[in-house]
Structure formats: C-alpha cells, structure tokens
C-alpha cells in the first residue's frame, strides 16, 4: 500500500472541486481589476458584490459587514483592528 496522507492543512488545503469550478473563470478569462473604472474590471466587481450579498444572506448579516481578504494574515489584522476600534475601553 503506497498511499500518501497529507497532514499540513494548516499551511494549505486542497481546493474543493465546486469552489475551483466557481473561481476558474476569474483566473483564466475574467481577471480584470475590480477596483478599476474600465468595463473589464467592473464585471469582476459586480461578481464580487454578488458574492458578498450571498455570504451576507447566508450569515444573516449586512453586506457592509462582509470583508474579503487575500490571506490569513490580512484577515487577522482586520479582526484585531476591528476589535480595537469597537472596544476602545479594552486595554488590548
């Protein structure tokens, strides 16, 4: 028996097939900058807005509360800074 067992999901995890299929068009064809003003980027921005709406509905949250980040480090900083801003009386 020569099967491999992967035990480092903390570092990186295999992408779920459904997720891969959903993001593939944005890696291959629709890779415009969503912060830009040109139409190629606007199409991507519209899809991000739609994804934000779906996540907000799933979590019963307001769309303005949904922040997409690019990595765990950025996510951690956003969470910490949000806590500092929202609870200034805490001595963090």
Protein backbone atom coordinates (compact mmCIF):
# COMPACT_ATOMS: atom_id res chain seq x y z
CA UNK A 1 0.00 0.00 0.00
CA UNK A 2 1.57 3.25 -1.16
CA UNK A 3 -0.95 5.99 -0.39
CA UNK A 4 0.01 9.42 0.87
CA UNK A 5 -1.56 11.12 3.85
CA UNK A 6 -1.43 14.92 3.91
CA UNK A 7 -1.27 16.42 7.40
CA UNK A 8 -0.44 20.09 6.71
CA UNK A 9 -3.89 21.59 6.04
CA UNK A 10 -2.90 24.48 8.27
CA UNK A 11 -0.47 25.65 5.58
CA UNK A 12 -2.58 24.90 2.52
CA UNK A 13 -5.61 22.80 1.72
CA UNK A 14 -6.79 21.16 -1.47
CA UNK A 15 -9.41 23.31 -3.14
CA UNK A 16 -12.89 21.83 -3.21
CA UNK A 17 -13.96 20.95 -6.77
CA UNK A 18 -17.09 23.16 -6.58
CA UNK A 19 -15.03 26.12 -5.40
CA UNK A 20 -12.42 25.51 -8.09
CA UNK A 21 -15.07 25.46 -10.80
CA UNK A 22 -16.59 28.68 -9.45
CA UNK A 23 -13.30 30.63 -9.42
CA UNK A 24 -11.70 29.20 -12.57
CA UNK A 25 -13.30 31.74 -14.93
CA UNK A 26 -11.79 34.56 -12.83
CA UNK A 27 -8.34 33.00 -13.05
CA UNK A 28 -8.49 32.38 -16.80
CA UNK A 29 -10.81 34.85 -18.58
CA UNK A 30 -12.35 37.40 -16.20
CA UNK A 31 -9.26 38.58 -14.36
CA UNK A 32 -9.90 42.33 -14.51
CA UNK A 33 -9.04 44.59 -11.60
CA UNK A 34 -12.29 45.05 -9.63
CA UNK A 35 -11.04 48.42 -8.34
CA UNK A 36 -10.63 49.82 -11.85
CA UNK A 37 -13.07 52.01 -13.76
CA UNK A 38 -12.96 50.12 -17.07
CA UNK A 39 -15.68 47.60 -18.01
CA UNK A 40 -13.42 44.53 -17.74
CA UNK A 41 -12.87 45.29 -14.06
CA UNK A 42 -16.47 46.35 -13.45
CA UNK A 43 -17.70 42.89 -14.46
CA UNK A 44 -15.47 41.35 -11.79
CA UNK A 45 -16.54 43.96 -9.22
CA UNK A 46 -20.19 43.09 -9.91
CA UNK A 47 -19.46 39.41 -9.25
CA UNK A 48 -17.66 40.24 -6.00
CA UNK A 49 -20.67 42.33 -4.94
CA UNK A 50 -22.94 39.40 -5.76
CA UNK A 51 -20.73 37.03 -3.73
CA UNK A 52 -20.74 39.48 -0.81
CA UNK A 53 -24.55 39.60 -0.94
CA UNK A 54 -24.78 35.79 -0.92
CA UNK A 55 -22.43 35.48 2.06
CA UNK A 56 -24.33 38.20 3.94
CA UNK A 57 -27.62 36.38 3.33
CA UNK A 58 -26.10 33.09 4.49
CA UNK A 59 -24.85 34.69 7.71
CA UNK A 60 -27.88 36.92 8.23
CA UNK A 61 -25.55 39.92 8.11
CA UNK A 62 -25.42 43.23 6.31
CA UNK A 63 -23.37 43.29 3.12
CA UNK A 64 -21.21 46.06 4.58
CA UNK A 65 -20.08 43.62 7.29
CA UNK A 66 -18.58 41.18 4.77
CA UNK A 67 -14.91 41.78 4.03
CA UNK A 68 -12.98 39.54 1.66
CA UNK A 69 -9.25 39.31 2.34
CA UNK A 70 -6.41 37.70 0.44
CA UNK A 71 -4.80 35.72 3.25
CA UNK A 72 -4.93 34.70 6.89
CA UNK A 73 -2.52 37.45 7.94
CA UNK A 74 -4.71 40.13 6.41
CA UNK A 75 -7.80 38.54 7.98
CA UNK A 76 -6.16 38.53 11.40
CA UNK A 77 -5.21 42.21 11.11
CA UNK A 78 -8.76 43.15 10.08
CA UNK A 79 -10.20 41.22 13.04
CA UNK A 80 -7.77 42.75 15.52
CA UNK A 81 -8.21 46.29 14.22
CA UNK A 82 -12.00 45.88 14.27
CA UNK A 83 -11.85 44.76 17.89
CA UNK A 84 -9.60 47.69 18.83
CA UNK A 85 -11.95 50.18 17.13
CA UNK A 86 -15.15 48.66 18.51
CA UNK A 87 -13.92 48.19 22.07
CA UNK A 88 -11.66 51.16 22.83
CA UNK A 89 -12.27 50.72 26.57
CA UNK A 90 -10.47 47.37 26.48
CA UNK A 91 -6.77 47.62 27.12
CA UNK A 92 -5.56 45.39 24.31
